[in-house]
Amino acid sequence: MERLSKRSDFDELKKAGRRFAGRNVSIVFVKRDSEGPALVGFAISKRVGNAVVRNRIRRRLRAISASAEAAFTSGSYLIAVKPSAKDSGYWELKADMDSVLRKIGVSSG
């Protein structure tokens, strides 16, 4: 699993991707034909909270995605959070992300 880092990659993914939403997390997904590692990016708006809150959520999402790395099939994923995520703990975010991954058609195990 590799990280998305270029602004152009984020913009392309938002334009061409298909959105799957949960209560606190939404994932934009584009399937790639070529085999290779999944590309994962995180988008956490300032509406979620200050830098401390946004970074805490980002760390939790990275840990969740690392623990479910096998679930991320070849493709690009943009994981965005809603402002309601600032009050969610690790396990709530994990359950929400697992349900969104099931909607996409991959299982996080």
C-alpha atoms as a PDB file:
ATOM      1  CA  MET A   1       0.000   0.000   0.000  1.00  0.00           C
ATOM      2  CA  GLU A   2       1.393   3.365  -1.021  1.00  0.00           C
ATOM      3  CA  ARG A   3       0.282   6.896  -0.227  1.00  0.00           C
ATOM      4  CA  LEU A   4      -1.246   9.357  -2.650  1.00  0.00           C
ATOM      5  CA  SER A   5       0.627  12.615  -2.382  1.00  0.00           C
ATOM      6  CA  LYS A   6       0.214  14.682  -5.550  1.00  0.00           C
ATOM      7  CA  ARG A   7      -2.611  17.197  -5.789  1.00  0.00           C
ATOM      8  CA  SER A   8      -3.270  16.060  -9.375  1.00  0.00           C
ATOM      9  CA  ASP A   9      -3.775  12.462  -8.181  1.00  0.00           C
ATOM     10  CA  PHE A  10      -6.311  13.618  -5.596  1.00  0.00           C
ATOM     11  CA  ASP A  11      -8.177  15.736  -8.159  1.00  0.00           C
ATOM     12  CA  GLU A  12      -8.249  12.920 -10.721  1.00  0.00           C
ATOM     13  CA  LEU A  13      -9.499  10.455  -8.128  1.00  0.00           C
ATOM     14  CA  LYS A  14     -12.262  12.816  -6.966  1.00  0.00           C
ATOM     15  CA  LYS A  15     -13.373  13.355 -10.559  1.00  0.00           C
ATOM     16  CA  ALA A  16     -13.282   9.763 -11.820  1.00  0.00           C
ATOM     17  CA  GLY A  17     -13.947   7.852  -8.612  1.00  0.00           C
ATOM     18  CA  ARG A  18     -17.046   6.318  -7.165  1.00  0.00           C
ATOM     19  CA  ARG A  19     -18.017   7.482  -3.660  1.00  0.00           C
ATOM     20  CA  PHE A  20     -19.068   5.137  -0.874  1.00  0.00           C
ATOM     21  CA  ALA A  21     -20.156   6.768   2.378  1.00  0.00           C
ATOM     22  CA  GLY A  22     -20.571   5.725   5.956  1.00  0.00           C
ATOM     23  CA  ARG A  23     -21.521   7.687   9.043  1.00  0.00           C
ATOM     24  CA  ASN A  24     -18.084   9.265   9.631  1.00  0.00           C
ATOM     25  CA  VAL A  25     -15.971   8.100   6.685  1.00  0.00           C
ATOM     26  CA  SER A  26     -16.422   8.240   2.941  1.00  0.00           C
ATOM     27  CA  ILE A  27     -14.155   6.524   0.440  1.00  0.00           C
ATOM     28  CA  VAL A  28     -13.729   7.462  -3.205  1.00  0.00           C
ATOM     29  CA  PHE A  29     -12.539   4.408  -5.129  1.00  0.00           C
ATOM     30  CA  VAL A  30     -11.159   3.834  -8.621  1.00  0.00           C
ATOM     31  CA  LYS A  31     -10.213   0.317  -9.684  1.00  0.00           C
ATOM     32  CA  ARG A  32      -7.005  -0.028 -11.700  1.00  0.00           C
ATOM     33  CA  ASP A  33      -6.399  -2.647 -14.352  1.00  0.00           C
ATOM     34  CA  SER A  34      -2.733  -3.071 -13.549  1.00  0.00           C
ATOM     35  CA  GLU A  35      -1.655  -5.096 -10.568  1.00  0.00           C
ATOM     36  CA  GLY A  36       0.326  -3.275  -7.967  1.00  0.00           C
ATOM     37  CA  PRO A  37       0.008  -1.787  -4.549  1.00  0.00           C
ATOM     38  CA  ALA A  38      -3.099   0.138  -3.625  1.00  0.00           C
ATOM     39  CA  LEU A  39      -2.765   3.914  -3.528  1.00  0.00           C
ATOM     40  CA  VAL A  40      -4.355   5.476  -0.449  1.00  0.00           C
ATOM     41  CA  GLY A  41      -4.832   9.159   0.349  1.00  0.00           C
ATOM     42  CA  PHE A  42      -6.456  10.898   3.279  1.00  0.00           C
ATOM     43  CA  ALA A  43      -8.513  14.105   3.141  1.00  0.00           C
ATOM     44  CA  ILE A  44      -9.392  15.749   6.421  1.00  0.00           C
ATOM     45  CA  SER A  45     -11.004  19.154   6.152  1.00  0.00           C
ATOM     46  CA  LYS A  46     -10.466  22.046   8.542  1.00  0.00           C
ATOM     47  CA  ARG A  47     -14.183  21.765   9.309  1.00  0.00           C
ATOM     48  CA  VAL A  48     -13.331  18.631  11.318  1.00  0.00           C
ATOM     49  CA  GLY A  49     -11.306  20.574  13.875  1.00  0.00           C
ATOM     50  CA  ASN A  50      -7.966  22.156  14.604  1.00  0.00           C
ATOM     51  CA  ALA A  51      -4.626  20.619  13.587  1.00  0.00           C
ATOM     52  CA  VAL A  52      -4.404  18.459  16.696  1.00  0.00           C
ATOM     53  CA  VAL A  53      -7.795  16.875  16.044  1.00  0.00           C
ATOM     54  CA  ARG A  54      -7.145  16.408  12.301  1.00  0.00           C
ATOM     55  CA  ASN A  55      -3.773  14.760  12.923  1.00  0.00           C
ATOM     56  CA  ARG A  56      -5.240  12.451  15.574  1.00  0.00           C
ATOM     57  CA  ILE A  57      -7.894  11.302  13.112  1.00  0.00           C
ATOM     58  CA  ARG A  58      -5.277  10.908  10.357  1.00  0.00           C
ATOM     59  CA  ARG A  59      -3.095   8.738  12.631  1.00  0.00           C
ATOM     60  CA  ARG A  60      -6.093   6.571  13.510  1.00  0.00           C
ATOM     61  CA  LEU A  61      -7.063   6.152   9.852  1.00  0.00           C
ATOM     62  CA  ARG A  62      -3.487   5.233   8.906  1.00  0.00           C
ATOM     63  CA  ALA A  63      -3.410   2.606  11.653  1.00  0.00           C
ATOM     64  CA  ILE A  64      -6.783   1.216  10.559  1.00  0.00           C
ATOM     65  CA  SER A  65      -5.764   1.054   6.902  1.00  0.00           C
ATOM     66  CA  ALA A  66      -2.429  -0.559   7.796  1.00  0.00           C
ATOM     67  CA  SER A  67      -4.195  -3.256   9.831  1.00  0.00           C
ATOM     68  CA  ALA A  68      -6.566  -3.917   6.910  1.00  0.00           C
ATOM     69  CA  GLU A  69      -3.905  -3.641   4.196  1.00  0.00           C
ATOM     70  CA  ALA A  70      -4.905  -6.961   2.620  1.00  0.00           C
ATOM     71  CA  ALA A  71      -8.420  -5.608   2.031  1.00  0.00           C
ATOM     72  CA  PHE A  72      -7.171  -2.840  -0.230  1.00  0.00           C
ATOM     73  CA  THR A  73      -7.203  -4.356  -3.691  1.00  0.00           C
ATOM     74  CA  SER A  74      -5.361  -2.817  -6.599  1.00  0.00           C
ATOM     75  CA  GLY A  75      -6.864   0.613  -7.009  1.00  0.00           C
ATOM     76  CA  SER A  76      -6.848   4.138  -5.664  1.00  0.00           C
ATOM     77  CA  TYR A  77      -8.630   5.108  -2.468  1.00  0.00           C
ATOM     78  CA  LEU A  78      -9.344   8.567  -1.112  1.00  0.00           C
ATOM     79  CA  ILE A  79     -10.481   8.330   2.489  1.00  0.00           C
ATOM     80  CA  ALA A  80     -12.286  11.451   3.687  1.00  0.00           C
ATOM     81  CA  VAL A  81     -13.857  12.117   7.049  1.00  0.00           C
ATOM     82  CA  LYS A  82     -16.944  14.049   7.975  1.00  0.00           C
ATOM     83  CA  PRO A  83     -16.951  16.634  10.784  1.00  0.00           C
ATOM     84  CA  SER A  84     -18.797  14.149  13.027  1.00  0.00           C
ATOM     85  CA  ALA A  85     -15.604  12.032  13.101  1.00  0.00           C
ATOM     86  CA  LYS A  86     -13.952  14.348  15.629  1.00  0.00           C
ATOM     87  CA  ASP A  87     -16.028  12.765  18.392  1.00  0.00           C
ATOM     88  CA  SER A  88     -15.371   9.195  17.223  1.00  0.00           C
ATOM     89  CA  GLY A  89     -12.862   6.871  18.785  1.00  0.00           C
ATOM     90  CA  TYR A  90     -10.615   4.344  17.078  1.00  0.00           C
ATOM     91  CA  TRP A  91     -13.117   1.481  17.206  1.00  0.00           C
ATOM     92  CA  GLU A  92     -15.977   3.584  15.852  1.00  0.00           C
ATOM     93  CA  LEU A  93     -13.830   4.741  12.928  1.00  0.00           C
ATOM     94  CA  LYS A  94     -12.666   1.167  12.327  1.00  0.00           C
ATOM     95  CA  ALA A  95     -16.234  -0.193  12.286  1.00  0.00           C
ATOM     96  CA  ASP A  96     -17.337   2.590   9.957  1.00  0.00           C
ATOM     97  CA  MET A  97     -14.397   2.059   7.618  1.00  0.00           C
ATOM     98  CA  ASP A  98     -15.010  -1.714   7.586  1.00  0.00           C
ATOM     99  CA  SER A  99     -18.639  -1.163   6.588  1.00  0.00           C
ATOM    100  CA  VAL A 100     -17.649   1.214   3.781  1.00  0.00           C
ATOM    101  CA  LEU A 101     -15.044  -1.280   2.511  1.00  0.00           C
ATOM    102  CA  ARG A 102     -17.758  -3.953   2.449  1.00  0.00           C
ATOM    103  CA  LYS A 103     -19.912  -1.603   0.325  1.00  0.00           C
ATOM    104  CA  ILE A 104     -17.015  -1.310  -2.121  1.00  0.00           C
ATOM    105  CA  GLY A 105     -16.822  -5.078  -2.292  1.00  0.00           C
ATOM    106  CA  VAL A 106     -13.660  -5.763  -0.341  1.00  0.00           C
ATOM    107  CA  SER A 107     -13.523  -7.318   3.088  1.00  0.00           C
ATOM    108  CA  SER A 108     -11.271  -5.940   5.795  1.00  0.00           C
ATOM    109  CA  GLY A 109     -11.242  -9.240   7.659  1.00  0.00           C
END
